[in-house]
Structures are given as C-alpha cells and as structure tokens.
Amino acid sequence: MRSTSRGKIGRLIRGAMVGALALTLMLAGVAGFLLFTLTGNAWLDQLAQIGTDMAFRVEGFESTFDQIGDSFELRVEQAIPEAVRPFFD
C-alpha cells in the first residue's frame, strides 16, 4: 500500500497536536504541584488548627458528660437507702 502525502501530513499534525496536549497537561500538573507546595502549607496549617480546635471542643464535651454522669451516679447512690446499699456493691 502506498501512503499519500496527505496521510503523512495528517499523521504529522495529529502527532504534533497529541504532543502539545501531553506537554500542556504535564505543565498544568507541574504548575498545580508548585502552587500546592508553595501555598499548600498554609492551608494544611489551617486544617491542622481546625482539627486541634475541634479536638479540644470534643474533650470539653466529654468532660461535661463525665461530670453529668458522675453527678447522676452520686444522686442515685444517695437515693438508695442505707439498708439496701450492700446489695448494690
């Protein structure tokens, strides 16, 4: 089979377009990587700070629930008559 010059030109243009697309995608990836590494540390620090704040809030809730549970347990113990308390120990 004989290839025509039109077919060779078409393959050349297609190859150049595929190469340009690949180069563009690689440059976009490198630019995104550089953008993330240069500014990403600030974003990661903010996320870490938010996580730390949330952990402190959760600890506060846990201690509040522990206090409520202890208070309830103390009230229940005080409501049990002295004669019956040995059966609950």
Protein backbone atom coordinates (compact mmCIF):
# COMPACT_ATOMS: atom_id res chain seq x y z
CA MET A 1 0.00 0.00 0.00
CA ARG A 2 1.17 3.37 -0.90
CA SER A 3 0.80 6.23 1.55
CA THR A 4 -0.11 9.61 0.22
CA SER A 5 1.47 12.87 1.24
CA ARG A 6 -1.88 13.94 2.64
CA GLY A 7 -1.84 10.95 5.02
CA LYS A 8 1.71 11.74 6.17
CA ILE A 9 0.81 15.36 6.82
CA GLY A 10 -2.29 14.29 8.75
CA ARG A 11 -0.26 11.95 10.93
CA LEU A 12 2.35 14.66 11.48
CA ILE A 13 -0.30 17.19 12.50
CA ARG A 14 -2.05 14.62 14.73
CA GLY A 15 1.26 13.72 16.38
CA ALA A 16 2.10 17.39 16.95
CA MET A 17 -1.33 18.00 18.50
CA VAL A 18 -1.07 14.96 20.76
CA GLY A 19 2.43 16.06 21.81
CA ALA A 20 1.20 19.61 22.50
CA LEU A 21 -1.71 18.25 24.55
CA ALA A 22 0.60 15.99 26.55
CA LEU A 23 3.03 18.86 27.16
CA THR A 24 0.17 21.14 28.24
CA LEU A 25 -1.12 18.53 30.68
CA MET A 26 2.34 17.98 32.13
CA LEU A 27 2.86 21.73 32.56
CA ALA A 28 -0.54 22.05 34.24
CA GLY A 29 0.42 19.25 36.64
CA VAL A 30 3.75 20.85 37.48
CA ALA A 31 2.09 24.25 37.97
CA GLY A 32 -0.53 22.71 40.27
CA PHE A 33 2.16 20.91 42.24
CA LEU A 34 4.18 24.11 42.68
CA LEU A 35 1.08 26.08 43.64
CA PHE A 36 0.13 23.49 46.24
CA THR A 37 3.62 23.21 47.72
CA LEU A 38 4.15 26.96 47.88
CA THR A 39 0.74 27.86 49.30
CA GLY A 40 -0.42 24.44 50.49
CA ASN A 41 1.49 24.57 53.74
CA ALA A 42 -0.67 27.48 54.91
CA TRP A 43 -3.82 25.54 54.00
CA LEU A 44 -2.55 22.45 55.80
CA ASP A 45 -1.69 24.53 58.86
CA GLN A 46 -5.20 25.98 58.88
CA LEU A 47 -6.72 22.49 58.60
CA ALA A 48 -4.50 21.24 61.42
CA GLN A 49 -5.53 24.20 63.59
CA ILE A 50 -9.22 23.50 62.90
CA GLY A 51 -8.68 19.84 63.81
CA THR A 52 -6.94 20.80 67.04
CA ASP A 53 -9.75 23.20 67.96
CA MET A 54 -12.34 20.51 67.29
CA ALA A 55 -10.38 18.03 69.44
CA PHE A 56 -10.38 20.50 72.34
CA ARG A 57 -14.13 21.03 71.96
CA VAL A 58 -14.74 17.28 71.95
CA GLU A 59 -12.64 16.92 75.09
CA GLY A 60 -14.74 19.66 76.70
CA PHE A 61 -17.93 17.81 75.78
CA GLU A 62 -16.50 14.56 77.12
CA SER A 63 -15.57 16.14 80.44
CA THR A 64 -19.03 17.74 80.67
CA PHE A 65 -20.69 14.37 80.04
CA ASP A 66 -18.39 12.75 82.61
CA GLN A 67 -19.41 15.38 85.18
CA ILE A 68 -23.09 14.84 84.38
CA GLY A 69 -22.65 11.07 84.69
CA ASP A 70 -20.79 11.39 87.98
CA SER A 71 -23.43 13.74 89.34
CA PHE A 72 -26.21 11.37 88.28
CA GLU A 73 -24.39 8.42 89.82
CA LEU A 74 -23.96 10.32 93.09
CA ARG A 75 -27.68 11.22 93.16
CA VAL A 76 -28.65 7.59 92.54
CA GLU A 77 -26.32 6.41 95.30
CA GLN A 78 -27.79 8.96 97.71
CA ALA A 79 -31.34 7.88 96.79
CA ILE A 80 -30.64 4.25 97.75
CA PRO A 81 -31.42 3.58 101.41
CA GLU A 82 -28.52 2.57 103.71
CA ALA A 83 -30.01 -0.86 104.38
CA VAL A 84 -30.13 -1.74 100.68
CA ARG A 85 -26.74 -0.33 99.60
CA PRO A 86 -24.73 -3.51 100.35
CA PHE A 87 -26.72 -5.33 97.68
CA PHE A 88 -25.57 -2.82 95.02
CA ASP A 89 -21.84 -3.04 95.75
